[in-house]
Amino acid sequence: MANCHELFSTFNDELKILSSKKDKMITSKDNLRKVIRDHFSNYHPNYTPTFYIQGSYKLGTSIRNKEDHCDLDDGVYFKSNPDDVTGKTLQSWVYDAVAGVTAATPIHKSKCIRVDYQAGYHIDLPVMVFDNSTDAHPMLAVKNEDFKTDDPKEFVDYYKKHKTDQMTRLVKYLKSWCDHKRESMPSGLSMTVLALEHYQSNERDDIALKFILIEIEKALQNEFKCKMPTTPEDDLFAGYSESKRNNFMNNLGNFISDAKAAIDEKYQLKASKLWRKHLGDRFPLGEDKEESTSENALRSVAGTSRPYYK
């Protein structure tokens, strides 16, 4: 049985954002914060923004995609909404603040303002209203829905409470799979939630990935749902079309078949080529040699534990 654990370790390193790009992204984040503070001080003095990094960067699950692009989510928080403006209006004020910061025009998305950078990354700016002395949870400005209860920090805290180093690596592998396939695959957040629910530990990452794929398939065949474990506890798969659902499930089934075959394969090179079908050519090629079967066979069933929550 081919042991590809070390190949996955190398792949994990390949997915990491380069420190030089990370430094640029943090500098850009700091500059955006200053620009937004100055804009609101000059044009909307009743509103004082504060900021909170959230999303995959905060979780430690960020990856650079196959085009070497990455992102950072920096929440723009206001303690109150004294003028009682709509969520769309509050978003538009943030849009006005960052317009012209880069050569690219900001994008007013449904739940954030996106600023693109030529250096190969973008920064998303979700806009929130939250008084932590009186409000249970923040309100997220949504372009066509005004405000919606959301709590990114609650999810960050939940993830950090339950994560392991291996789980975080598995989230990155799952995200890279979705990035490689692209065609209407689930979001990184969805894959993170599924990993939280279905993770089982193993001393080998290749076997742990096989297990988590199998558990995800079992759960989704029973009920096609991906419920956030924290506020707003919504179903991230709600609204999926039949074609989008079928695309994901077909890709999942194919991945499981090849993962099983890769684990059972005698030759590491052949096994690595099976993993590459789903993770792309950034996944390293293994050695063209036959591996011992007895020890790896024992490892394939050893060191497992149940998921963190159901």
C-alpha atoms as a PDB file:
ATOM      1  CA  MET A   1       0.000   0.000   0.000  1.00  0.00           C
ATOM      2  CA  ALA A   2       1.454   3.312  -1.111  1.00  0.00           C
ATOM      3  CA  ASN A   3       2.094   5.725   1.745  1.00  0.00           C
ATOM      4  CA  CYS A   4       1.669   9.268   0.417  1.00  0.00           C
ATOM      5  CA  HIS A   5       1.695  11.054   3.772  1.00  0.00           C
ATOM      6  CA  GLU A   6       4.984  12.839   3.065  1.00  0.00           C
ATOM      7  CA  LEU A   7       3.736  13.848  -0.387  1.00  0.00           C
ATOM      8  CA  PHE A   8       0.742  15.477   1.284  1.00  0.00           C
ATOM      9  CA  SER A   9       3.098  17.269   3.674  1.00  0.00           C
ATOM     10  CA  THR A  10       4.951  18.677   0.676  1.00  0.00           C
ATOM     11  CA  PHE A  11       1.625  19.585  -0.945  1.00  0.00           C
ATOM     12  CA  ASN A  12       0.551  21.437   2.196  1.00  0.00           C
ATOM     13  CA  ASP A  13       3.719  23.538   1.962  1.00  0.00           C
ATOM     14  CA  GLU A  14       2.951  24.209  -1.704  1.00  0.00           C
ATOM     15  CA  LEU A  15      -0.483  25.586  -0.786  1.00  0.00           C
ATOM     16  CA  LYS A  16       0.905  28.107   1.702  1.00  0.00           C
ATOM     17  CA  ILE A  17       0.855  31.800   0.864  1.00  0.00           C
ATOM     18  CA  LEU A  18       4.396  33.021   0.339  1.00  0.00           C
ATOM     19  CA  SER A  19       5.618  35.251   3.165  1.00  0.00           C
ATOM     20  CA  SER A  20       6.430  38.055   0.711  1.00  0.00           C
ATOM     21  CA  LYS A  21       2.848  38.085  -0.570  1.00  0.00           C
ATOM     22  CA  LYS A  22       1.465  37.793   2.942  1.00  0.00           C
ATOM     23  CA  ASP A  23       3.487  40.859   3.975  1.00  0.00           C
ATOM     24  CA  LYS A  24       2.130  42.825   1.011  1.00  0.00           C
ATOM     25  CA  MET A  25      -1.412  41.764   1.818  1.00  0.00           C
ATOM     26  CA  ILE A  26      -1.100  42.868   5.457  1.00  0.00           C
ATOM     27  CA  THR A  27       0.359  46.214   4.364  1.00  0.00           C
ATOM     28  CA  SER A  28      -2.571  46.658   1.968  1.00  0.00           C
ATOM     29  CA  LYS A  29      -5.005  45.766   4.737  1.00  0.00           C
ATOM     30  CA  ASP A  30      -3.477  48.390   7.031  1.00  0.00           C
ATOM     31  CA  ASN A  31      -3.648  50.994   4.269  1.00  0.00           C
ATOM     32  CA  LEU A  32      -7.314  50.222   3.576  1.00  0.00           C
ATOM     33  CA  ARG A  33      -8.104  50.626   7.253  1.00  0.00           C
ATOM     34  CA  LYS A  34      -6.510  54.085   7.293  1.00  0.00           C
ATOM     35  CA  VAL A  35      -8.322  55.114   4.106  1.00  0.00           C
ATOM     36  CA  ILE A  36     -11.677  53.969   5.508  1.00  0.00           C
ATOM     37  CA  ARG A  37     -11.116  55.684   8.855  1.00  0.00           C
ATOM     38  CA  ASP A  38     -10.204  58.946   7.134  1.00  0.00           C
ATOM     39  CA  HIS A  39     -13.179  58.756   4.768  1.00  0.00           C
ATOM     40  CA  PHE A  40     -15.708  58.244   7.536  1.00  0.00           C
ATOM     41  CA  SER A  41     -14.105  60.913   9.681  1.00  0.00           C
ATOM     42  CA  ASN A  42     -14.508  63.399   6.831  1.00  0.00           C
ATOM     43  CA  TYR A  43     -17.854  62.385   5.332  1.00  0.00           C
ATOM     44  CA  HIS A  44     -19.748  60.363   7.961  1.00  0.00           C
ATOM     45  CA  PRO A  45     -18.383  61.468  11.349  1.00  0.00           C
ATOM     46  CA  ASN A  46     -21.243  59.759  13.219  1.00  0.00           C
ATOM     47  CA  TYR A  47     -19.773  56.436  12.126  1.00  0.00           C
ATOM     48  CA  THR A  48     -16.444  55.245  13.530  1.00  0.00           C
ATOM     49  CA  PRO A  49     -15.147  52.031  11.934  1.00  0.00           C
ATOM     50  CA  THR A  50     -13.203  49.341  13.758  1.00  0.00           C
ATOM     51  CA  PHE A  51     -11.818  46.219  12.124  1.00  0.00           C
ATOM     52  CA  TYR A  52     -11.491  42.484  12.648  1.00  0.00           C
ATOM     53  CA  ILE A  53      -9.661  39.998  10.413  1.00  0.00           C
ATOM     54  CA  GLN A  54     -11.920  37.001   9.869  1.00  0.00           C
ATOM     55  CA  GLY A  55     -12.436  34.114   7.482  1.00  0.00           C
ATOM     56  CA  SER A  56      -9.817  31.596   6.356  1.00  0.00           C
ATOM     57  CA  TYR A  57      -6.876  33.887   7.086  1.00  0.00           C
ATOM     58  CA  LYS A  58      -7.928  34.045  10.731  1.00  0.00           C
ATOM     59  CA  LEU A  59      -8.609  30.296  10.835  1.00  0.00           C
ATOM     60  CA  GLY A  60      -5.234  29.434   9.357  1.00  0.00           C
ATOM     61  CA  THR A  61      -6.843  27.624   6.410  1.00  0.00           C
ATOM     62  CA  SER A  62      -5.905  30.075   3.649  1.00  0.00           C
ATOM     63  CA  ILE A  63      -4.420  28.652   0.477  1.00  0.00           C
ATOM     64  CA  ARG A  64      -3.071  30.152  -2.697  1.00  0.00           C
ATOM     65  CA  ASN A  65      -5.091  28.893  -5.628  1.00  0.00           C
ATOM     66  CA  LYS A  66      -3.686  27.386  -8.812  1.00  0.00           C
ATOM     67  CA  GLU A  67      -3.205  30.873 -10.268  1.00  0.00           C
ATOM     68  CA  ASP A  68      -1.241  31.842  -7.136  1.00  0.00           C
ATOM     69  CA  HIS A  69      -4.071  34.139  -5.975  1.00  0.00           C
ATOM     70  CA  CYS A  70      -5.165  34.474  -2.340  1.00  0.00           C
ATOM     71  CA  ASP A  71      -7.424  36.639  -0.213  1.00  0.00           C
ATOM     72  CA  LEU A  72      -8.035  38.154   3.192  1.00  0.00           C
ATOM     73  CA  ASP A  73     -11.341  39.084   4.870  1.00  0.00           C
ATOM     74  CA  ASP A  74     -11.227  42.221   7.006  1.00  0.00           C
ATOM     75  CA  GLY A  75     -14.528  43.029   8.680  1.00  0.00           C
ATOM     76  CA  VAL A  76     -15.494  46.715   8.913  1.00  0.00           C
ATOM     77  CA  TYR A  77     -17.472  47.122  12.150  1.00  0.00           C
ATOM     78  CA  PHE A  78     -19.622  50.023  13.324  1.00  0.00           C
ATOM     79  CA  LYS A  79     -20.887  50.195  16.879  1.00  0.00           C
ATOM     80  CA  SER A  80     -24.189  51.739  15.804  1.00  0.00           C
ATOM     81  CA  ASN A  81     -26.189  52.930  12.823  1.00  0.00           C
ATOM     82  CA  PRO A  82     -27.246  56.420  13.982  1.00  0.00           C
ATOM     83  CA  ASP A  83     -28.654  57.519  10.611  1.00  0.00           C
ATOM     84  CA  ASP A  84     -30.554  54.245  10.233  1.00  0.00           C
ATOM     85  CA  VAL A  85     -29.241  53.717   6.706  1.00  0.00           C
ATOM     86  CA  THR A  86     -29.757  50.477   4.821  1.00  0.00           C
ATOM     87  CA  GLY A  87     -27.118  47.802   4.633  1.00  0.00           C
ATOM     88  CA  LYS A  88     -26.597  48.586   0.961  1.00  0.00           C
ATOM     89  CA  THR A  89     -26.011  52.257   1.766  1.00  0.00           C
ATOM     90  CA  LEU A  90     -23.499  51.435   4.482  1.00  0.00           C
ATOM     91  CA  GLN A  91     -21.698  49.138   2.050  1.00  0.00           C
ATOM     92  CA  SER A  92     -21.687  51.906  -0.568  1.00  0.00           C
ATOM     93  CA  TRP A  93     -19.993  54.291   1.877  1.00  0.00           C
ATOM     94  CA  VAL A  94     -17.206  51.743   2.349  1.00  0.00           C
ATOM     95  CA  TYR A  95     -17.077  51.341  -1.436  1.00  0.00           C
ATOM     96  CA  ASP A  96     -16.662  55.111  -1.847  1.00  0.00           C
ATOM     97  CA  ALA A  97     -13.885  55.091   0.744  1.00  0.00           C
ATOM     98  CA  VAL A  98     -11.764  52.504  -1.088  1.00  0.00           C
ATOM     99  CA  ALA A  99     -12.515  53.570  -4.670  1.00  0.00           C
ATOM    100  CA  GLY A 100      -9.261  54.573  -6.332  1.00  0.00           C
ATOM    101  CA  VAL A 101      -6.986  52.790  -3.866  1.00  0.00           C
ATOM    102  CA  THR A 102      -5.973  50.344  -6.604  1.00  0.00           C
ATOM    103  CA  ALA A 103      -6.095  50.441 -10.389  1.00  0.00           C
ATOM    104  CA  ALA A 104      -9.022  48.012 -10.333  1.00  0.00           C
ATOM    105  CA  THR A 105     -12.519  49.266  -9.581  1.00  0.00           C
ATOM    106  CA  PRO A 106     -13.849  47.842  -6.291  1.00  0.00           C
ATOM    107  CA  ILE A 107     -16.562  45.223  -6.612  1.00  0.00           C
ATOM    108  CA  HIS A 108     -19.784  45.683  -4.670  1.00  0.00           C
ATOM    109  CA  LYS A 109     -20.643  42.051  -3.931  1.00  0.00           C
ATOM    110  CA  SER A 110     -23.657  40.828  -1.995  1.00  0.00           C
ATOM    111  CA  LYS A 111     -21.918  40.535   1.385  1.00  0.00           C
ATOM    112  CA  CYS A 112     -18.745  42.583   1.015  1.00  0.00           C
ATOM    113  CA  ILE A 113     -16.767  45.158  -0.923  1.00  0.00           C
ATOM    114  CA  ARG A 114     -13.871  43.535  -2.779  1.00  0.00           C
ATOM    115  CA  VAL A 115     -10.611  45.325  -3.548  1.00  0.00           C
ATOM    116  CA  ASP A 116      -8.356  43.603  -6.094  1.00  0.00           C
ATOM    117  CA  TYR A 117      -4.587  44.000  -6.207  1.00  0.00           C
ATOM    118  CA  GLN A 118      -2.270  43.396  -9.158  1.00  0.00           C
ATOM    119  CA  ALA A 119       0.113  41.510  -6.851  1.00  0.00           C
ATOM    120  CA  GLY A 120      -2.247  38.525  -6.974  1.00  0.00           C
ATOM    121  CA  TYR A 121      -4.632  38.878  -4.042  1.00  0.00           C
ATOM    122  CA  HIS A 122      -7.847  40.590  -3.033  1.00  0.00           C
ATOM    123  CA  ILE A 123      -9.222  41.910   0.234  1.00  0.00           C
ATOM    124  CA  ASP A 124     -12.898  41.477   1.056  1.00  0.00           C
ATOM    125  CA  LEU A 125     -14.541  44.009   3.348  1.00  0.00           C
ATOM    126  CA  PRO A 126     -17.767  42.709   4.929  1.00  0.00           C
ATOM    127  CA  VAL A 127     -19.616  45.535   6.689  1.00  0.00           C
ATOM    128  CA  MET A 128     -21.084  44.877  10.127  1.00  0.00           C
ATOM    129  CA  VAL A 129     -23.041  46.763  12.787  1.00  0.00           C
ATOM    130  CA  PHE A 130     -22.336  45.509  16.299  1.00  0.00           C
ATOM    131  CA  ASP A 131     -22.462  46.957  19.799  1.00  0.00           C
ATOM    132  CA  ASN A 132     -20.910  44.217  21.922  1.00  0.00           C
ATOM    133  CA  SER A 133     -22.307  45.790  25.086  1.00  0.00           C
ATOM    134  CA  THR A 134     -25.927  45.338  23.985  1.00  0.00           C
ATOM    135  CA  ASP A 135     -26.063  43.096  20.894  1.00  0.00           C
ATOM    136  CA  ALA A 136     -25.848  39.319  21.044  1.00  0.00           C
ATOM    137  CA  HIS A 137     -24.504  39.090  17.497  1.00  0.00           C
ATOM    138  CA  PRO A 138     -23.397  41.451  14.720  1.00  0.00           C
ATOM    139  CA  MET A 139     -25.609  42.411  11.804  1.00  0.00           C
ATOM    140  CA  LEU A 140     -24.055  41.931   8.376  1.00  0.00           C
ATOM    141  CA  ALA A 141     -24.881  44.428   5.651  1.00  0.00           C
ATOM    142  CA  VAL A 142     -26.241  42.544   2.625  1.00  0.00           C
ATOM    143  CA  LYS A 143     -26.655  44.285  -0.711  1.00  0.00           C
ATOM    144  CA  ASN A 144     -30.236  43.269  -1.438  1.00  0.00           C
ATOM    145  CA  GLU A 145     -31.406  42.134   2.008  1.00  0.00           C
ATOM    146  CA  ASP A 146     -30.514  45.132   4.212  1.00  0.00           C
ATOM    147  CA  PHE A 147     -28.993  43.448   7.313  1.00  0.00           C
ATOM    148  CA  LYS A 148     -28.653  39.808   8.319  1.00  0.00           C
ATOM    149  CA  THR A 149     -27.532  38.294  11.630  1.00  0.00           C
ATOM    150  CA  ASP A 150     -24.046  36.844  11.316  1.00  0.00           C
ATOM    151  CA  ASP A 151     -21.130  36.190  13.662  1.00  0.00           C
ATOM    152  CA  PRO A 152     -17.757  35.482  12.030  1.00  0.00           C
ATOM    153  CA  LYS A 153     -15.886  35.727  15.345  1.00  0.00           C
ATOM    154  CA  GLU A 154     -18.142  33.101  16.906  1.00  0.00           C
ATOM    155  CA  PHE A 155     -17.212  30.707  14.093  1.00  0.00           C
ATOM    156  CA  VAL A 156     -13.505  31.531  14.447  1.00  0.00           C
ATOM    157  CA  ASP A 157     -13.693  30.731  18.161  1.00  0.00           C
ATOM    158  CA  TYR A 158     -15.609  27.522  17.472  1.00  0.00           C
ATOM    159  CA  TYR A 159     -13.116  26.356  14.877  1.00  0.00           C
ATOM    160  CA  LYS A 160     -10.107  27.092  17.079  1.00  0.00           C
ATOM    161  CA  LYS A 161     -11.730  25.177  19.933  1.00  0.00           C
ATOM    162  CA  HIS A 162     -12.166  22.009  17.849  1.00  0.00           C
ATOM    163  CA  LYS A 163      -9.366  22.105  15.294  1.00  0.00           C
ATOM    164  CA  THR A 164      -6.259  19.987  15.147  1.00  0.00           C
ATOM    165  CA  ASP A 165      -3.225  20.564  12.971  1.00  0.00           C
ATOM    166  CA  GLN A 166      -4.267  17.666  10.774  1.00  0.00           C
ATOM    167  CA  MET A 167      -7.828  18.936  10.418  1.00  0.00           C
ATOM    168  CA  THR A 168      -6.498  22.287   9.245  1.00  0.00           C
ATOM    169  CA  ARG A 169      -4.364  20.529   6.634  1.00  0.00           C
ATOM    170  CA  LEU A 170      -7.391  18.523   5.489  1.00  0.00           C
ATOM    171  CA  VAL A 171      -9.430  21.710   5.087  1.00  0.00           C
ATOM    172  CA  LYS A 172      -6.684  23.039   2.819  1.00  0.00           C
ATOM    173  CA  TYR A 173      -6.684  19.834   0.762  1.00  0.00           C
ATOM    174  CA  LEU A 174     -10.472  19.993   0.397  1.00  0.00           C
ATOM    175  CA  LYS A 175     -10.306  23.634  -0.634  1.00  0.00           C
ATOM    176  CA  SER A 176      -7.578  22.899  -3.166  1.00  0.00           C
ATOM    177  CA  TRP A 177      -9.759  20.094  -4.599  1.00  0.00           C
ATOM    178  CA  CYS A 178     -12.629  22.551  -5.082  1.00  0.00           C
ATOM    179  CA  ASP A 179     -10.207  25.065  -6.586  1.00  0.00           C
ATOM    180  CA  HIS A 180      -8.873  22.448  -9.022  1.00  0.00           C
ATOM    181  CA  LYS A 181     -12.340  21.304 -10.123  1.00  0.00           C
ATOM    182  CA  ARG A 182     -13.878  24.804 -10.049  1.00  0.00           C
ATOM    183  CA  GLU A 183     -17.209  23.950 -11.735  1.00  0.00           C
ATOM    184  CA  SER A 184     -19.724  25.176  -9.156  1.00  0.00           C
ATOM    185  CA  MET A 185     -17.916  23.452  -6.303  1.00  0.00           C
ATOM    186  CA  PRO A 186     -18.703  24.426  -2.683  1.00  0.00           C
ATOM    187  CA  SER A 187     -17.127  27.408  -0.969  1.00  0.00           C
ATOM    188  CA  GLY A 188     -14.145  27.193   1.330  1.00  0.00           C
ATOM    189  CA  LEU A 189     -16.441  27.889   4.276  1.00  0.00           C
ATOM    190  CA  SER A 190     -18.655  24.942   3.311  1.00  0.00           C
ATOM    191  CA  MET A 191     -15.672  22.605   3.135  1.00  0.00           C
ATOM    192  CA  THR A 192     -14.453  23.872   6.515  1.00  0.00           C
ATOM    193  CA  VAL A 193     -17.820  23.138   8.128  1.00  0.00           C
ATOM    194  CA  LEU A 194     -17.928  19.671   6.556  1.00  0.00           C
ATOM    195  CA  ALA A 195     -14.413  18.977   7.814  1.00  0.00           C
ATOM    196  CA  LEU A 196     -15.367  20.039  11.337  1.00  0.00           C
ATOM    197  CA  GLU A 197     -18.304  17.678  11.322  1.00  0.00           C
ATOM    198  CA  HIS A 198     -16.727  14.626   9.725  1.00  0.00           C
ATOM    199  CA  TYR A 199     -13.029  14.685  10.631  1.00  0.00           C
ATOM    200  CA  GLN A 200     -11.469  11.463  11.912  1.00  0.00           C
ATOM    201  CA  SER A 201      -7.816  11.479  12.893  1.00  0.00           C
ATOM    202  CA  ASN A 202      -5.194   9.185  11.428  1.00  0.00           C
ATOM    203  CA  GLU A 203      -1.410   9.322  11.572  1.00  0.00           C
ATOM    204  CA  ARG A 204      -1.422   9.566   7.758  1.00  0.00           C
ATOM    205  CA  ASP A 205      -2.979  12.494   5.909  1.00  0.00           C
ATOM    206  CA  ASP A 206      -3.809  10.437   2.811  1.00  0.00           C
ATOM    207  CA  ILE A 207      -5.866   7.985   4.865  1.00  0.00           C
ATOM    208  CA  ALA A 208      -7.469  10.769   6.916  1.00  0.00           C
ATOM    209  CA  LEU A 209      -8.508  12.487   3.671  1.00  0.00           C
ATOM    210  CA  LYS A 210     -10.028   9.260   2.352  1.00  0.00           C
ATOM    211  CA  PHE A 211     -11.981   8.832   5.592  1.00  0.00           C
ATOM    212  CA  ILE A 212     -13.333  12.384   5.598  1.00  0.00           C
ATOM    213  CA  LEU A 213     -14.458  12.143   1.971  1.00  0.00           C
ATOM    214  CA  ILE A 214     -16.322   8.919   2.725  1.00  0.00           C
ATOM    215  CA  GLU A 215     -17.995  10.397   5.806  1.00  0.00           C
ATOM    216  CA  ILE A 216     -19.026  13.528   3.907  1.00  0.00           C
ATOM    217  CA  GLU A 217     -20.570  11.439   1.146  1.00  0.00           C
ATOM    218  CA  LYS A 218     -22.502   9.290   3.627  1.00  0.00           C
ATOM    219  CA  ALA A 219     -23.920  12.345   5.373  1.00  0.00           C
ATOM    220  CA  LEU A 220     -24.881  14.168   2.174  1.00  0.00           C
ATOM    221  CA  GLN A 221     -26.507  11.107   0.666  1.00  0.00           C
ATOM    222  CA  ASN A 222     -28.687  10.949   3.766  1.00  0.00           C
ATOM    223  CA  GLU A 223     -29.408  14.697   3.772  1.00  0.00           C
ATOM    224  CA  PHE A 224     -27.848  17.236   1.446  1.00  0.00           C
ATOM    225  CA  LYS A 225     -27.176  19.929   4.014  1.00  0.00           C
ATOM    226  CA  CYS A 226     -24.214  21.894   5.366  1.00  0.00           C
ATOM    227  CA  LYS A 227     -25.401  23.681   8.485  1.00  0.00           C
ATOM    228  CA  MET A 228     -23.275  26.331  10.130  1.00  0.00           C
ATOM    229  CA  PRO A 229     -22.533  25.262  13.722  1.00  0.00           C
ATOM    230  CA  THR A 230     -22.615  28.913  14.835  1.00  0.00           C
ATOM    231  CA  THR A 231     -24.793  31.986  14.220  1.00  0.00           C
ATOM    232  CA  PRO A 232     -26.752  32.216  11.969  1.00  0.00           C
ATOM    233  CA  GLU A 233     -26.863  28.384  11.836  1.00  0.00           C
ATOM    234  CA  ASP A 234     -27.992  28.513   8.215  1.00  0.00           C
ATOM    235  CA  ASP A 235     -27.652  25.807   5.582  1.00  0.00           C
ATOM    236  CA  LEU A 236     -24.767  26.711   3.278  1.00  0.00           C
ATOM    237  CA  PHE A 237     -26.179  24.354   0.628  1.00  0.00           C
ATOM    238  CA  ALA A 238     -29.618  25.964   0.626  1.00  0.00           C
ATOM    239  CA  GLY A 239     -30.463  27.150  -2.858  1.00  0.00           C
ATOM    240  CA  TYR A 240     -28.166  24.686  -4.629  1.00  0.00           C
ATOM    241  CA  SER A 241     -29.608  23.757  -8.007  1.00  0.00           C
ATOM    242  CA  GLU A 242     -29.955  20.101  -8.889  1.00  0.00           C
ATOM    243  CA  SER A 243     -27.133  20.392 -11.407  1.00  0.00           C
ATOM    244  CA  LYS A 244     -24.807  22.015  -8.859  1.00  0.00           C
ATOM    245  CA  ARG A 245     -25.635  19.354  -6.294  1.00  0.00           C
ATOM    246  CA  ASN A 246     -25.095  16.551  -8.807  1.00  0.00           C
ATOM    247  CA  ASN A 247     -21.809  18.069  -9.948  1.00  0.00           C
ATOM    248  CA  PHE A 248     -20.469  18.117  -6.396  1.00  0.00           C
ATOM    249  CA  MET A 249     -21.681  14.620  -5.551  1.00  0.00           C
ATOM    250  CA  ASN A 250     -20.262  13.190  -8.781  1.00  0.00           C
ATOM    251  CA  ASN A 251     -16.895  14.830  -8.126  1.00  0.00           C
ATOM    252  CA  LEU A 252     -17.008  13.567  -4.544  1.00  0.00           C
ATOM    253  CA  GLY A 253     -17.761  10.008  -5.645  1.00  0.00           C
ATOM    254  CA  ASN A 254     -14.953  10.060  -8.196  1.00  0.00           C
ATOM    255  CA  PHE A 255     -12.517  11.413  -5.613  1.00  0.00           C
ATOM    256  CA  ILE A 256     -13.439   8.679  -3.146  1.00  0.00           C
ATOM    257  CA  SER A 257     -12.925   5.961  -5.768  1.00  0.00           C
ATOM    258  CA  ASP A 258      -9.472   7.247  -6.634  1.00  0.00           C
ATOM    259  CA  ALA A 259      -8.561   7.858  -2.983  1.00  0.00           C
ATOM    260  CA  LYS A 260      -9.335   4.222  -2.186  1.00  0.00           C
ATOM    261  CA  ALA A 261      -7.362   3.086  -5.224  1.00  0.00           C
ATOM    262  CA  ALA A 262      -4.430   5.318  -4.263  1.00  0.00           C
ATOM    263  CA  ILE A 263      -4.310   3.895  -0.736  1.00  0.00           C
ATOM    264  CA  ASP A 264      -4.409   0.335  -2.105  1.00  0.00           C
ATOM    265  CA  GLU A 265      -1.888   0.996  -4.886  1.00  0.00           C
ATOM    266  CA  LYS A 266       1.489  -0.720  -4.466  1.00  0.00           C
ATOM    267  CA  TYR A 267       3.477   1.942  -6.275  1.00  0.00           C
ATOM    268  CA  GLN A 268       3.731   5.451  -4.847  1.00  0.00           C
ATOM    269  CA  LEU A 269       4.114   7.030  -8.304  1.00  0.00           C
ATOM    270  CA  LYS A 270       0.837   5.527  -9.501  1.00  0.00           C
ATOM    271  CA  ALA A 271      -0.864   6.538  -6.263  1.00  0.00           C
ATOM    272  CA  SER A 272       0.349  10.128  -6.568  1.00  0.00           C
ATOM    273  CA  LYS A 273      -1.048  10.323 -10.103  1.00  0.00           C
ATOM    274  CA  LEU A 274      -4.453   9.312  -8.759  1.00  0.00           C
ATOM    275  CA  TRP A 275      -4.312  12.087  -6.137  1.00  0.00           C
ATOM    276  CA  ARG A 276      -3.229  14.533  -8.850  1.00  0.00           C
ATOM    277  CA  LYS A 277      -6.443  13.902 -10.790  1.00  0.00           C
ATOM    278  CA  HIS A 278      -8.301  15.707  -8.011  1.00  0.00           C
ATOM    279  CA  LEU A 279      -5.714  18.002  -6.455  1.00  0.00           C
ATOM    280  CA  GLY A 280      -3.895  19.183  -9.572  1.00  0.00           C
ATOM    281  CA  ASP A 281      -0.273  19.101 -10.662  1.00  0.00           C
ATOM    282  CA  ARG A 282       0.919  20.968  -7.597  1.00  0.00           C
ATOM    283  CA  PHE A 283       0.576  17.646  -5.812  1.00  0.00           C
ATOM    284  CA  PRO A 284       4.049  16.051  -6.032  1.00  0.00           C
ATOM    285  CA  LEU A 285       4.797  12.879  -7.932  1.00  0.00           C
ATOM    286  CA  GLY A 286       5.900   9.930  -5.831  1.00  0.00           C
ATOM    287  CA  GLU A 287       8.731   7.486  -6.343  1.00  0.00           C
ATOM    288  CA  ASP A 288       8.393   4.651  -8.820  1.00  0.00           C
ATOM    289  CA  LYS A 289       8.854   1.878  -6.286  1.00  0.00           C
ATOM    290  CA  GLU A 290       6.762  -0.804  -4.639  1.00  0.00           C
ATOM    291  CA  GLU A 291       6.010  -0.250  -0.968  1.00  0.00           C
ATOM    292  CA  SER A 292       5.720  -2.768   1.849  1.00  0.00           C
ATOM    293  CA  THR A 293       2.110  -3.801   2.409  1.00  0.00           C
ATOM    294  CA  SER A 294       1.952  -5.234   5.917  1.00  0.00           C
ATOM    295  CA  GLU A 295       2.854  -2.185   7.975  1.00  0.00           C
ATOM    296  CA  ASN A 296       0.800   0.230   5.871  1.00  0.00           C
ATOM    297  CA  ALA A 297      -2.206  -2.084   5.971  1.00  0.00           C
ATOM    298  CA  LEU A 298      -2.172  -1.872   9.744  1.00  0.00           C
ATOM    299  CA  ARG A 299      -1.797   1.905   9.630  1.00  0.00           C
ATOM    300  CA  SER A 300      -4.789   2.284   7.342  1.00  0.00           C
ATOM    301  CA  VAL A 301      -7.104   1.298  10.185  1.00  0.00           C
ATOM    302  CA  ALA A 302      -5.084   2.568  13.150  1.00  0.00           C
ATOM    303  CA  GLY A 303      -5.186   5.877  14.924  1.00  0.00           C
ATOM    304  CA  THR A 304      -8.769   6.838  14.108  1.00  0.00           C
ATOM    305  CA  SER A 305     -11.239   8.677  16.271  1.00  0.00           C
ATOM    306  CA  ARG A 306     -14.778   9.884  15.851  1.00  0.00           C
ATOM    307  CA  PRO A 307     -15.737  13.333  14.492  1.00  0.00           C
ATOM    308  CA  TYR A 308     -15.772  16.285  16.881  1.00  0.00           C
ATOM    309  CA  TYR A 309     -19.484  16.918  16.745  1.00  0.00           C
ATOM    310  CA  LYS A 310     -22.618  15.535  15.168  1.00  0.00           C
END
